[in-house]
């Protein structure tokens, strides 16, 4: 289904009955392919309409919504998993037709949610990694975790692959898959999501869908989701990964649409022996999920200093004290030690 700024509120078929290309499709513009995931109840994704709006508000592009609800609507998850390959094959035929009309693989950006992320990867494999970009929004974990690269999304499936993990210990996947993998709040439990099973379906899907809402927030808000390269979430929380010098003038990567600005340096890291770039960030629990970082370094000069506590208070623009989340490296009884705290709020 094709959406453009000329037909934002009503989808049109990508191809007419005579196989001609829809007049609203512009081969000179970027094309964003939006692919949903598993839909056991067959309902339309609640985020779809807003996603279309923010995408087309951000950039004048062709947006193709891939409706594979007939393959995704089943209570047998394994059946939906098998259908991902069929969807990819089906899409490859549409893509070849687009290429005949002058479209370019390099201008294709696939955004896949859950199972849709792996569909995007399978399409990329069919076209030997020549797609311009694939964004995986919490790629599905069940039946894909621990599988070889040809059985799931992989960084070789496009010229640039970025992934957001928001439910890595549930419906999502833990291992890094792309040129860069974002793990907001550690990639598992997300702030603001229900913590009790008595919350109903939201308890199951909230963490999983948070990747979608973070990507949208990065599109439509002024939030800069600065993310810090680190080996582990524990190291990140211990303030061991606040150095962005290796990214030069661009500083640390940012989650969302604009991460493509770091494409060159991230591609260089994957040449030869792959070096996965895993990055971590904090978010708040409500839209637009913004947080801001402050680094406080304290040099201990007095050898007689004993164990103690350092407290701090941050005032917002209204003069109201904010309660910061404090990550610290605790160094006690070490003279001339430089103790660094990372505060996010």
C-alpha atoms as a PDB file:
ATOM      1  CA  UNK A   1       0.000   0.000   0.000  1.00  0.00           C
ATOM      2  CA  UNK A   2       1.497   3.311  -1.131  1.00  0.00           C
ATOM      3  CA  UNK A   3       1.394   6.518   0.913  1.00  0.00           C
ATOM      4  CA  UNK A   4       2.946   9.844  -0.088  1.00  0.00           C
ATOM      5  CA  UNK A   5       2.392  13.457   0.885  1.00  0.00           C
ATOM      6  CA  UNK A   6      -0.166  13.538  -1.943  1.00  0.00           C
ATOM      7  CA  UNK A   7      -2.214  10.716  -0.372  1.00  0.00           C
ATOM      8  CA  UNK A   8      -1.359  10.729   3.305  1.00  0.00           C
ATOM      9  CA  UNK A   9      -4.800   9.681   4.544  1.00  0.00           C
ATOM     10  CA  UNK A  10      -5.735   7.059   2.000  1.00  0.00           C
ATOM     11  CA  UNK A  11      -3.523   4.257   0.688  1.00  0.00           C
ATOM     12  CA  UNK A  12      -3.287   3.558  -3.009  1.00  0.00           C
ATOM     13  CA  UNK A  13      -2.062   0.405  -4.761  1.00  0.00           C
ATOM     14  CA  UNK A  14       1.599   0.520  -5.717  1.00  0.00           C
ATOM     15  CA  UNK A  15       0.810  -0.902  -9.167  1.00  0.00           C
ATOM     16  CA  UNK A  16      -2.281  -0.408 -11.306  1.00  0.00           C
ATOM     17  CA  UNK A  17      -4.204  -3.286 -12.930  1.00  0.00           C
ATOM     18  CA  UNK A  18      -2.152  -2.954 -16.114  1.00  0.00           C
ATOM     19  CA  UNK A  19       1.043  -3.273 -14.035  1.00  0.00           C
ATOM     20  CA  UNK A  20       1.879   0.395 -14.485  1.00  0.00           C
ATOM     21  CA  UNK A  21       3.398   2.251 -11.536  1.00  0.00           C
ATOM     22  CA  UNK A  22       1.199   4.493  -9.405  1.00  0.00           C
ATOM     23  CA  UNK A  23       1.620   8.114 -10.530  1.00  0.00           C
ATOM     24  CA  UNK A  24       2.275   9.212  -6.922  1.00  0.00           C
ATOM     25  CA  UNK A  25       5.390   7.041  -6.689  1.00  0.00           C
ATOM     26  CA  UNK A  26       8.488   9.135  -7.425  1.00  0.00           C
ATOM     27  CA  UNK A  27      11.508   7.016  -8.401  1.00  0.00           C
ATOM     28  CA  UNK A  28      13.845   9.920  -7.568  1.00  0.00           C
ATOM     29  CA  UNK A  29      12.838   9.934  -3.901  1.00  0.00           C
ATOM     30  CA  UNK A  30      13.747   7.611  -1.046  1.00  0.00           C
ATOM     31  CA  UNK A  31      11.322   4.750  -0.466  1.00  0.00           C
ATOM     32  CA  UNK A  32      10.546   3.597   3.071  1.00  0.00           C
ATOM     33  CA  UNK A  33       9.091   0.106   3.422  1.00  0.00           C
ATOM     34  CA  UNK A  34       7.180  -0.359   6.690  1.00  0.00           C
ATOM     35  CA  UNK A  35       6.613  -3.989   7.750  1.00  0.00           C
ATOM     36  CA  UNK A  36       4.618  -5.013  10.826  1.00  0.00           C
ATOM     37  CA  UNK A  37       5.132  -8.147  12.903  1.00  0.00           C
ATOM     38  CA  UNK A  38       3.093 -10.988  14.384  1.00  0.00           C
ATOM     39  CA  UNK A  39      -0.629 -10.135  14.678  1.00  0.00           C
ATOM     40  CA  UNK A  40      -2.366 -13.052  16.440  1.00  0.00           C
ATOM     41  CA  UNK A  41      -5.694 -11.179  16.579  1.00  0.00           C
ATOM     42  CA  UNK A  42      -5.458  -9.707  13.071  1.00  0.00           C
ATOM     43  CA  UNK A  43      -5.838  -6.118  14.245  1.00  0.00           C
ATOM     44  CA  UNK A  44      -4.145  -3.157  12.594  1.00  0.00           C
ATOM     45  CA  UNK A  45      -1.067  -2.006  14.568  1.00  0.00           C
ATOM     46  CA  UNK A  46      -2.057   0.862  16.853  1.00  0.00           C
ATOM     47  CA  UNK A  47       1.122   2.775  15.996  1.00  0.00           C
ATOM     48  CA  UNK A  48       0.759   2.592  12.192  1.00  0.00           C
ATOM     49  CA  UNK A  49      -1.221   5.768  11.493  1.00  0.00           C
ATOM     50  CA  UNK A  50       1.032   7.945  13.637  1.00  0.00           C
ATOM     51  CA  UNK A  51       4.165   6.339  12.180  1.00  0.00           C
ATOM     52  CA  UNK A  52       3.015   7.296   8.664  1.00  0.00           C
ATOM     53  CA  UNK A  53       2.322  10.846   9.780  1.00  0.00           C
ATOM     54  CA  UNK A  54       5.696  11.447  11.412  1.00  0.00           C
ATOM     55  CA  UNK A  55       7.607   9.789   8.559  1.00  0.00           C
ATOM     56  CA  UNK A  56       6.008  11.926   5.873  1.00  0.00           C
ATOM     57  CA  UNK A  57       6.231  15.030   8.024  1.00  0.00           C
ATOM     58  CA  UNK A  58       9.963  14.428   8.468  1.00  0.00           C
ATOM     59  CA  UNK A  59      10.793  13.801   4.818  1.00  0.00           C
ATOM     60  CA  UNK A  60       9.092  13.781   1.430  1.00  0.00           C
ATOM     61  CA  UNK A  61       9.404  10.082   0.627  1.00  0.00           C
ATOM     62  CA  UNK A  62       7.463   7.183  -0.809  1.00  0.00           C
ATOM     63  CA  UNK A  63       6.116   5.014   2.017  1.00  0.00           C
ATOM     64  CA  UNK A  64       5.048   1.457   1.259  1.00  0.00           C
ATOM     65  CA  UNK A  65       3.145  -0.326   4.030  1.00  0.00           C
ATOM     66  CA  UNK A  66       3.490  -4.078   3.659  1.00  0.00           C
ATOM     67  CA  UNK A  67       0.204  -5.624   4.798  1.00  0.00           C
ATOM     68  CA  UNK A  68       0.905  -9.308   5.409  1.00  0.00           C
ATOM     69  CA  UNK A  69      -1.865  -9.723   7.972  1.00  0.00           C
ATOM     70  CA  UNK A  70      -3.086 -12.947   6.328  1.00  0.00           C
ATOM     71  CA  UNK A  71       0.274 -14.501   7.071  1.00  0.00           C
ATOM     72  CA  UNK A  72       0.739 -12.886  10.490  1.00  0.00           C
ATOM     73  CA  UNK A  73      -2.724 -13.594  11.885  1.00  0.00           C
ATOM     74  CA  UNK A  74      -2.557 -17.008  13.509  1.00  0.00           C
ATOM     75  CA  UNK A  75      -2.403 -18.344  17.047  1.00  0.00           C
ATOM     76  CA  UNK A  76       0.366 -20.676  15.873  1.00  0.00           C
ATOM     77  CA  UNK A  77       3.472 -18.505  16.054  1.00  0.00           C
ATOM     78  CA  UNK A  78       5.590 -21.028  14.128  1.00  0.00           C
ATOM     79  CA  UNK A  79       3.259 -20.660  11.168  1.00  0.00           C
ATOM     80  CA  UNK A  80       3.818 -16.885  11.110  1.00  0.00           C
ATOM     81  CA  UNK A  81       7.581 -17.468  11.340  1.00  0.00           C
ATOM     82  CA  UNK A  82       7.477 -19.727   8.260  1.00  0.00           C
ATOM     83  CA  UNK A  83       5.399 -17.145   6.412  1.00  0.00           C
ATOM     84  CA  UNK A  84       8.162 -14.533   6.759  1.00  0.00           C
ATOM     85  CA  UNK A  85      10.120 -16.269   3.991  1.00  0.00           C
ATOM     86  CA  UNK A  86       7.046 -16.323   1.741  1.00  0.00           C
ATOM     87  CA  UNK A  87       6.433 -12.611   2.325  1.00  0.00           C
ATOM     88  CA  UNK A  88      10.053 -11.824   1.439  1.00  0.00           C
ATOM     89  CA  UNK A  89       9.793 -13.775  -1.816  1.00  0.00           C
ATOM     90  CA  UNK A  90       6.543 -12.000  -2.636  1.00  0.00           C
ATOM     91  CA  UNK A  91       8.113  -8.606  -1.964  1.00  0.00           C
ATOM     92  CA  UNK A  92      11.109  -9.419  -4.155  1.00  0.00           C
ATOM     93  CA  UNK A  93       8.771  -9.680  -7.152  1.00  0.00           C
ATOM     94  CA  UNK A  94       7.312  -6.235  -6.409  1.00  0.00           C
ATOM     95  CA  UNK A  95      10.793  -4.825  -6.001  1.00  0.00           C
ATOM     96  CA  UNK A  96      12.009  -6.209  -9.321  1.00  0.00           C
ATOM     97  CA  UNK A  97       9.023  -4.558 -10.950  1.00  0.00           C
ATOM     98  CA  UNK A  98       9.921  -1.257  -9.284  1.00  0.00           C
ATOM     99  CA  UNK A  99      13.507  -1.561 -10.529  1.00  0.00           C
ATOM    100  CA  UNK A 100      12.193  -1.934 -14.087  1.00  0.00           C
ATOM    101  CA  UNK A 101      10.402   1.388 -13.604  1.00  0.00           C
ATOM    102  CA  UNK A 102      13.651   3.104 -12.559  1.00  0.00           C
ATOM    103  CA  UNK A 103      13.671   2.710  -8.775  1.00  0.00           C
ATOM    104  CA  UNK A 104      16.967   2.113  -6.957  1.00  0.00           C
ATOM    105  CA  UNK A 105      17.779  -0.418  -4.225  1.00  0.00           C
ATOM    106  CA  UNK A 106      20.161   2.109  -2.708  1.00  0.00           C
ATOM    107  CA  UNK A 107      17.216   4.427  -1.974  1.00  0.00           C
ATOM    108  CA  UNK A 108      15.224   1.732  -0.167  1.00  0.00           C
ATOM    109  CA  UNK A 109      14.950   1.926   3.617  1.00  0.00           C
ATOM    110  CA  UNK A 110      13.192  -1.051   5.197  1.00  0.00           C
ATOM    111  CA  UNK A 111      11.775  -0.546   8.703  1.00  0.00           C
ATOM    112  CA  UNK A 112      10.711  -3.877  10.137  1.00  0.00           C
ATOM    113  CA  UNK A 113       8.973  -4.446  13.464  1.00  0.00           C
ATOM    114  CA  UNK A 114       9.512  -7.774  15.267  1.00  0.00           C
ATOM    115  CA  UNK A 115       9.001 -10.476  12.591  1.00  0.00           C
ATOM    116  CA  UNK A 116       8.990  -7.642  10.068  1.00  0.00           C
ATOM    117  CA  UNK A 117      12.659  -7.032  10.873  1.00  0.00           C
ATOM    118  CA  UNK A 118      13.556 -10.558   9.775  1.00  0.00           C
ATOM    119  CA  UNK A 119      11.377 -10.227   6.655  1.00  0.00           C
ATOM    120  CA  UNK A 120      13.467  -7.164   5.817  1.00  0.00           C
ATOM    121  CA  UNK A 121      16.601  -9.244   6.310  1.00  0.00           C
ATOM    122  CA  UNK A 122      15.339 -12.011   4.028  1.00  0.00           C
ATOM    123  CA  UNK A 123      14.554  -9.429   1.323  1.00  0.00           C
ATOM    124  CA  UNK A 124      18.062  -8.066   1.751  1.00  0.00           C
ATOM    125  CA  UNK A 125      19.544 -11.535   1.278  1.00  0.00           C
ATOM    126  CA  UNK A 126      17.598 -12.003  -1.963  1.00  0.00           C
ATOM    127  CA  UNK A 127      19.167  -8.793  -3.280  1.00  0.00           C
ATOM    128  CA  UNK A 128      22.648  -9.680  -1.961  1.00  0.00           C
ATOM    129  CA  UNK A 129      22.850  -6.899   0.618  1.00  0.00           C
ATOM    130  CA  UNK A 130      22.284  -4.058  -1.867  1.00  0.00           C
ATOM    131  CA  UNK A 131      19.368  -2.438  -0.025  1.00  0.00           C
ATOM    132  CA  UNK A 132      20.253   1.013   1.236  1.00  0.00           C
ATOM    133  CA  UNK A 133      19.218   0.533   4.861  1.00  0.00           C
ATOM    134  CA  UNK A 134      17.339  -1.786   7.180  1.00  0.00           C
ATOM    135  CA  UNK A 135      16.091  -0.686  10.602  1.00  0.00           C
ATOM    136  CA  UNK A 136      15.058  -3.514  12.916  1.00  0.00           C
ATOM    137  CA  UNK A 137      12.673  -2.440  15.677  1.00  0.00           C
ATOM    138  CA  UNK A 138      13.012  -5.080  18.404  1.00  0.00           C
ATOM    139  CA  UNK A 139      13.502  -8.007  15.991  1.00  0.00           C
ATOM    140  CA  UNK A 140      11.646 -11.114  17.123  1.00  0.00           C
ATOM    141  CA  UNK A 141      13.620 -13.460  19.373  1.00  0.00           C
ATOM    142  CA  UNK A 142      11.628 -16.706  19.559  1.00  0.00           C
ATOM    143  CA  UNK A 143      12.760 -19.067  16.745  1.00  0.00           C
ATOM    144  CA  UNK A 144      15.515 -16.602  15.743  1.00  0.00           C
ATOM    145  CA  UNK A 145      17.804 -16.342  18.769  1.00  0.00           C
ATOM    146  CA  UNK A 146      21.061 -18.202  18.256  1.00  0.00           C
ATOM    147  CA  UNK A 147      20.296 -18.937  14.603  1.00  0.00           C
ATOM    148  CA  UNK A 148      22.927 -18.539  11.841  1.00  0.00           C
ATOM    149  CA  UNK A 149      23.041 -15.331   9.821  1.00  0.00           C
ATOM    150  CA  UNK A 150      21.083 -16.776   6.886  1.00  0.00           C
ATOM    151  CA  UNK A 151      18.114 -17.499   9.179  1.00  0.00           C
ATOM    152  CA  UNK A 152      17.598 -14.005  10.598  1.00  0.00           C
ATOM    153  CA  UNK A 153      18.379 -10.330  10.120  1.00  0.00           C
ATOM    154  CA  UNK A 154      22.122  -9.728   9.719  1.00  0.00           C
ATOM    155  CA  UNK A 155      24.299  -6.699   9.071  1.00  0.00           C
ATOM    156  CA  UNK A 156      25.206  -8.005   5.605  1.00  0.00           C
ATOM    157  CA  UNK A 157      21.559  -7.762   4.476  1.00  0.00           C
ATOM    158  CA  UNK A 158      21.878  -4.065   3.601  1.00  0.00           C
ATOM    159  CA  UNK A 159      24.511  -1.409   3.184  1.00  0.00           C
ATOM    160  CA  UNK A 160      23.550  -0.147   6.631  1.00  0.00           C
ATOM    161  CA  UNK A 161      21.635  -1.990   9.360  1.00  0.00           C
ATOM    162  CA  UNK A 162      20.598  -0.408  12.664  1.00  0.00           C
ATOM    163  CA  UNK A 163      18.673  -2.230  15.376  1.00  0.00           C
ATOM    164  CA  UNK A 164      16.813  -1.177  18.531  1.00  0.00           C
ATOM    165  CA  UNK A 165      16.415  -3.848  21.230  1.00  0.00           C
ATOM    166  CA  UNK A 166      13.711  -3.125  23.813  1.00  0.00           C
ATOM    167  CA  UNK A 167      12.511  -6.567  24.993  1.00  0.00           C
ATOM    168  CA  UNK A 168      15.619  -8.718  24.681  1.00  0.00           C
ATOM    169  CA  UNK A 169      14.628 -11.153  27.417  1.00  0.00           C
ATOM    170  CA  UNK A 170      11.063 -11.545  26.147  1.00  0.00           C
ATOM    171  CA  UNK A 171       9.666 -11.242  22.624  1.00  0.00           C
ATOM    172  CA  UNK A 172      12.818  -9.617  21.242  1.00  0.00           C
ATOM    173  CA  UNK A 173      16.327 -10.868  20.537  1.00  0.00           C
ATOM    174  CA  UNK A 174      19.397 -10.289  22.699  1.00  0.00           C
ATOM    175  CA  UNK A 175      22.345 -10.676  20.331  1.00  0.00           C
ATOM    176  CA  UNK A 176      23.574  -7.787  18.153  1.00  0.00           C
ATOM    177  CA  UNK A 177      22.487  -8.033  14.519  1.00  0.00           C
ATOM    178  CA  UNK A 178      23.439  -4.799  12.777  1.00  0.00           C
ATOM    179  CA  UNK A 179      26.201  -2.318  12.130  1.00  0.00           C
ATOM    180  CA  UNK A 180      24.920  -0.696  15.317  1.00  0.00           C
ATOM    181  CA  UNK A 181      22.613  -2.078  18.014  1.00  0.00           C
ATOM    182  CA  UNK A 182      20.866   0.199  20.498  1.00  0.00           C
ATOM    183  CA  UNK A 183      19.915  -1.133  23.935  1.00  0.00           C
ATOM    184  CA  UNK A 184      17.727   1.488  25.661  1.00  0.00           C
ATOM    185  CA  UNK A 185      17.683   0.919  29.422  1.00  0.00           C
ATOM    186  CA  UNK A 186      19.691  -2.254  28.882  1.00  0.00           C
ATOM    187  CA  UNK A 187      17.359  -3.490  26.134  1.00  0.00           C
ATOM    188  CA  UNK A 188      15.070  -5.476  28.443  1.00  0.00           C
ATOM    189  CA  UNK A 189      12.625  -3.832  30.830  1.00  0.00           C
ATOM    190  CA  UNK A 190      11.452  -0.377  29.793  1.00  0.00           C
ATOM    191  CA  UNK A 191      10.426   2.352  32.270  1.00  0.00           C
ATOM    192  CA  UNK A 192       6.725   3.122  32.257  1.00  0.00           C
ATOM    193  CA  UNK A 193       5.715  -0.394  31.187  1.00  0.00           C
ATOM    194  CA  UNK A 194       3.498  -2.518  33.486  1.00  0.00           C
ATOM    195  CA  UNK A 195       5.365  -4.770  35.903  1.00  0.00           C
ATOM    196  CA  UNK A 196       2.475  -7.079  36.723  1.00  0.00           C
ATOM    197  CA  UNK A 197       0.824  -9.716  34.559  1.00  0.00           C
ATOM    198  CA  UNK A 198      -2.489  -8.428  35.918  1.00  0.00           C
ATOM    199  CA  UNK A 199      -2.056  -5.424  33.607  1.00  0.00           C
ATOM    200  CA  UNK A 200      -3.213  -7.623  30.734  1.00  0.00           C
ATOM    201  CA  UNK A 201      -1.901  -7.484  27.184  1.00  0.00           C
ATOM    202  CA  UNK A 202       0.144  -4.337  27.887  1.00  0.00           C
ATOM    203  CA  UNK A 203       2.358  -6.391  30.206  1.00  0.00           C
ATOM    204  CA  UNK A 204       3.232  -8.607  27.228  1.00  0.00           C
ATOM    205  CA  UNK A 205       3.637  -6.076  24.441  1.00  0.00           C
ATOM    206  CA  UNK A 206       4.697  -2.781  26.063  1.00  0.00           C
ATOM    207  CA  UNK A 207       8.448  -3.504  26.242  1.00  0.00           C
ATOM    208  CA  UNK A 208       8.394  -5.081  22.778  1.00  0.00           C
ATOM    209  CA  UNK A 209       6.691  -2.100  21.155  1.00  0.00           C
ATOM    210  CA  UNK A 210       8.787   0.517  22.948  1.00  0.00           C
ATOM    211  CA  UNK A 211      11.368   0.330  20.115  1.00  0.00           C
ATOM    212  CA  UNK A 212       8.666   1.561  17.723  1.00  0.00           C
ATOM    213  CA  UNK A 213       7.689   4.467  19.940  1.00  0.00           C
ATOM    214  CA  UNK A 214      11.302   5.470  20.580  1.00  0.00           C
ATOM    215  CA  UNK A 215      11.959   5.568  16.843  1.00  0.00           C
ATOM    216  CA  UNK A 216       8.870   7.730  16.337  1.00  0.00           C
ATOM    217  CA  UNK A 217       9.850  10.019  19.217  1.00  0.00           C
ATOM    218  CA  UNK A 218      13.259  10.538  17.633  1.00  0.00           C
ATOM    219  CA  UNK A 219      11.483  11.511  14.400  1.00  0.00           C
ATOM    220  CA  UNK A 220       8.989  14.010  15.752  1.00  0.00           C
ATOM    221  CA  UNK A 221      10.609  15.524  18.854  1.00  0.00           C
ATOM    222  CA  UNK A 222      13.710  17.574  19.553  1.00  0.00           C
ATOM    223  CA  UNK A 223      15.141  14.837  21.745  1.00  0.00           C
ATOM    224  CA  UNK A 224      18.653  13.707  20.928  1.00  0.00           C
ATOM    225  CA  UNK A 225      18.871  10.092  22.030  1.00  0.00           C
ATOM    226  CA  UNK A 226      22.633  10.144  22.544  1.00  0.00           C
ATOM    227  CA  UNK A 227      23.873   6.574  22.980  1.00  0.00           C
ATOM    228  CA  UNK A 228      27.183   5.415  24.423  1.00  0.00           C
ATOM    229  CA  UNK A 229      29.251   2.581  22.878  1.00  0.00           C
ATOM    230  CA  UNK A 230      29.998   0.026  25.574  1.00  0.00           C
ATOM    231  CA  UNK A 231      30.763  -3.652  26.014  1.00  0.00           C
ATOM    232  CA  UNK A 232      27.963  -4.224  28.512  1.00  0.00           C
ATOM    233  CA  UNK A 233      25.098  -2.489  30.255  1.00  0.00           C
ATOM    234  CA  UNK A 234      26.865  -2.995  33.566  1.00  0.00           C
ATOM    235  CA  UNK A 235      29.920  -1.089  32.318  1.00  0.00           C
ATOM    236  CA  UNK A 236      27.626   1.636  31.025  1.00  0.00           C
ATOM    237  CA  UNK A 237      25.913   1.952  34.407  1.00  0.00           C
ATOM    238  CA  UNK A 238      29.333   2.130  36.056  1.00  0.00           C
ATOM    239  CA  UNK A 239      30.140   5.220  33.965  1.00  0.00           C
ATOM    240  CA  UNK A 240      32.964   3.485  32.100  1.00  0.00           C
ATOM    241  CA  UNK A 241      31.638   4.462  28.673  1.00  0.00           C
ATOM    242  CA  UNK A 242      31.127   8.208  28.435  1.00  0.00           C
ATOM    243  CA  UNK A 243      33.934   8.894  25.957  1.00  0.00           C
ATOM    244  CA  UNK A 244      32.729   9.868  22.483  1.00  0.00           C
ATOM    245  CA  UNK A 245      36.101  10.994  21.099  1.00  0.00           C
ATOM    246  CA  UNK A 246      36.390   8.040  18.711  1.00  0.00           C
ATOM    247  CA  UNK A 247      33.390   9.429  16.805  1.00  0.00           C
ATOM    248  CA  UNK A 248      35.194  12.725  16.285  1.00  0.00           C
ATOM    249  CA  UNK A 249      33.140  15.795  15.461  1.00  0.00           C
ATOM    250  CA  UNK A 250      29.845  13.871  15.311  1.00  0.00           C
ATOM    251  CA  UNK A 251      30.142  12.740  18.938  1.00  0.00           C
ATOM    252  CA  UNK A 252      28.325   9.554  20.019  1.00  0.00           C
ATOM    253  CA  UNK A 253      25.639   8.024  17.780  1.00  0.00           C
ATOM    254  CA  UNK A 254      21.989   8.892  18.238  1.00  0.00           C
ATOM    255  CA  UNK A 255      19.103   6.489  18.087  1.00  0.00           C
ATOM    256  CA  UNK A 256      16.616   6.879  15.262  1.00  0.00           C
ATOM    257  CA  UNK A 257      16.425   8.202  11.742  1.00  0.00           C
ATOM    258  CA  UNK A 258      19.601  10.280  11.953  1.00  0.00           C
ATOM    259  CA  UNK A 259      21.930   7.419  12.932  1.00  0.00           C
ATOM    260  CA  UNK A 260      22.741   7.161   9.238  1.00  0.00           C
ATOM    261  CA  UNK A 261      25.073  10.128   9.802  1.00  0.00           C
ATOM    262  CA  UNK A 262      27.429   7.647  11.514  1.00  0.00           C
ATOM    263  CA  UNK A 263      27.205   5.148   8.653  1.00  0.00           C
ATOM    264  CA  UNK A 264      30.789   5.539   7.404  1.00  0.00           C
ATOM    265  CA  UNK A 265      32.537   5.035  10.740  1.00  0.00           C
ATOM    266  CA  UNK A 266      30.263   2.111  11.644  1.00  0.00           C
ATOM    267  CA  UNK A 267      30.865   0.399   8.297  1.00  0.00           C
ATOM    268  CA  UNK A 268      34.626   0.729   8.807  1.00  0.00           C
ATOM    269  CA  UNK A 269      34.327  -1.115  12.123  1.00  0.00           C
ATOM    270  CA  UNK A 270      32.699  -4.083  10.381  1.00  0.00           C
ATOM    271  CA  UNK A 271      35.372  -4.506   7.718  1.00  0.00           C
ATOM    272  CA  UNK A 272      37.612  -7.520   8.071  1.00  0.00           C
ATOM    273  CA  UNK A 273      36.835  -9.080  11.443  1.00  0.00           C
ATOM    274  CA  UNK A 274      33.448  -7.645  12.528  1.00  0.00           C
ATOM    275  CA  UNK A 275      33.457  -5.385  15.550  1.00  0.00           C
ATOM    276  CA  UNK A 276      29.907  -5.116  16.829  1.00  0.00           C
ATOM    277  CA  UNK A 277      28.916  -1.638  17.958  1.00  0.00           C
ATOM    278  CA  UNK A 278      26.586  -2.000  20.909  1.00  0.00           C
ATOM    279  CA  UNK A 279      25.360   1.266  22.400  1.00  0.00           C
ATOM    280  CA  UNK A 280      23.372   2.008  25.541  1.00  0.00           C
ATOM    281  CA  UNK A 281      21.165   4.885  26.615  1.00  0.00           C
ATOM    282  CA  UNK A 282      18.611   5.824  29.245  1.00  0.00           C
ATOM    283  CA  UNK A 283      15.081   6.951  28.485  1.00  0.00           C
ATOM    284  CA  UNK A 284      12.191   8.147  30.587  1.00  0.00           C
ATOM    285  CA  UNK A 285       8.935   6.210  30.847  1.00  0.00           C
ATOM    286  CA  UNK A 286       6.644   8.619  29.016  1.00  0.00           C
ATOM    287  CA  UNK A 287       6.601  10.053  25.522  1.00  0.00           C
ATOM    288  CA  UNK A 288       8.848  11.584  24.159  1.00  0.00           C
ATOM    289  CA  UNK A 289      11.134   9.560  26.489  1.00  0.00           C
ATOM    290  CA  UNK A 290      13.864  12.223  26.683  1.00  0.00           C
ATOM    291  CA  UNK A 291      16.796  12.101  29.085  1.00  0.00           C
ATOM    292  CA  UNK A 292      19.821  14.342  29.464  1.00  0.00           C
ATOM    293  CA  UNK A 293      23.280  13.381  30.693  1.00  0.00           C
ATOM    294  CA  UNK A 294      25.689  15.144  32.999  1.00  0.00           C
ATOM    295  CA  UNK A 295      29.156  13.860  33.865  1.00  0.00           C
ATOM    296  CA  UNK A 296      30.615  14.926  37.207  1.00  0.00           C
ATOM    297  CA  UNK A 297      34.298  14.116  37.837  1.00  0.00           C
ATOM    298  CA  UNK A 298      35.631  14.444  41.372  1.00  0.00           C
ATOM    299  CA  UNK A 299      39.365  14.287  42.091  1.00  0.00           C
ATOM    300  CA  UNK A 300      40.176  13.149  45.611  1.00  0.00           C
ATOM    301  CA  UNK A 301      43.280  14.964  46.856  1.00  0.00           C
ATOM    302  CA  UNK A 302      43.223  14.251  50.583  1.00  0.00           C
ATOM    303  CA  UNK A 303      44.850  10.928  51.523  1.00  0.00           C
ATOM    304  CA  UNK A 304      42.959  10.924  54.804  1.00  0.00           C
ATOM    305  CA  UNK A 305      39.551  10.961  53.133  1.00  0.00           C
ATOM    306  CA  UNK A 306      37.339   8.133  54.428  1.00  0.00           C
ATOM    307  CA  UNK A 307      34.395   6.367  52.848  1.00  0.00           C
ATOM    308  CA  UNK A 308      31.486   8.710  52.331  1.00  0.00           C
ATOM    309  CA  UNK A 309      28.509   9.766  50.304  1.00  0.00           C
ATOM    310  CA  UNK A 310      28.288  12.532  47.736  1.00  0.00           C
ATOM    311  CA  UNK A 311      24.805  13.868  47.038  1.00  0.00           C
ATOM    312  CA  UNK A 312      23.770  16.308  44.354  1.00  0.00           C
ATOM    313  CA  UNK A 313      20.644  18.119  43.240  1.00  0.00           C
ATOM    314  CA  UNK A 314      19.660  19.248  39.763  1.00  0.00           C
ATOM    315  CA  UNK A 315      17.268  22.157  39.264  1.00  0.00           C
ATOM    316  CA  UNK A 316      15.117  22.312  36.134  1.00  0.00           C
ATOM    317  CA  UNK A 317      14.187  25.483  34.281  1.00  0.00           C
ATOM    318  CA  UNK A 318      11.401  26.129  36.804  1.00  0.00           C
ATOM    319  CA  UNK A 319      13.795  25.866  39.719  1.00  0.00           C
ATOM    320  CA  UNK A 320      12.275  22.569  40.822  1.00  0.00           C
ATOM    321  CA  UNK A 321      14.645  19.854  42.010  1.00  0.00           C
ATOM    322  CA  UNK A 322      14.784  16.779  39.775  1.00  0.00           C
ATOM    323  CA  UNK A 323      15.551  13.360  41.167  1.00  0.00           C
ATOM    324  CA  UNK A 324      18.463  12.039  39.087  1.00  0.00           C
ATOM    325  CA  UNK A 325      19.313   8.415  38.478  1.00  0.00           C
ATOM    326  CA  UNK A 326      22.897   8.140  39.682  1.00  0.00           C
ATOM    327  CA  UNK A 327      25.374   5.655  38.255  1.00  0.00           C
ATOM    328  CA  UNK A 328      28.722   5.733  40.012  1.00  0.00           C
ATOM    329  CA  UNK A 329      32.131   4.152  40.224  1.00  0.00           C
ATOM    330  CA  UNK A 330      32.790   3.816  43.952  1.00  0.00           C
ATOM    331  CA  UNK A 331      36.480   4.271  44.775  1.00  0.00           C
ATOM    332  CA  UNK A 332      37.227   4.448  48.475  1.00  0.00           C
ATOM    333  CA  UNK A 333      40.476   5.281  50.353  1.00  0.00           C
ATOM    334  CA  UNK A 334      42.421   5.794  47.139  1.00  0.00           C
ATOM    335  CA  UNK A 335      44.435   9.038  47.135  1.00  0.00           C
ATOM    336  CA  UNK A 336      44.318  11.265  44.060  1.00  0.00           C
ATOM    337  CA  UNK A 337      41.561   9.090  42.543  1.00  0.00           C
ATOM    338  CA  UNK A 338      39.380  10.514  39.826  1.00  0.00           C
ATOM    339  CA  UNK A 339      35.840   9.341  40.560  1.00  0.00           C
ATOM    340  CA  UNK A 340      33.363   9.849  37.743  1.00  0.00           C
ATOM    341  CA  UNK A 341      29.591   9.920  38.114  1.00  0.00           C
ATOM    342  CA  UNK A 342      27.109   9.806  35.249  1.00  0.00           C
ATOM    343  CA  UNK A 343      23.746  11.353  36.012  1.00  0.00           C
ATOM    344  CA  UNK A 344      20.730  10.926  33.792  1.00  0.00           C
ATOM    345  CA  UNK A 345      17.337  12.507  34.309  1.00  0.00           C
END
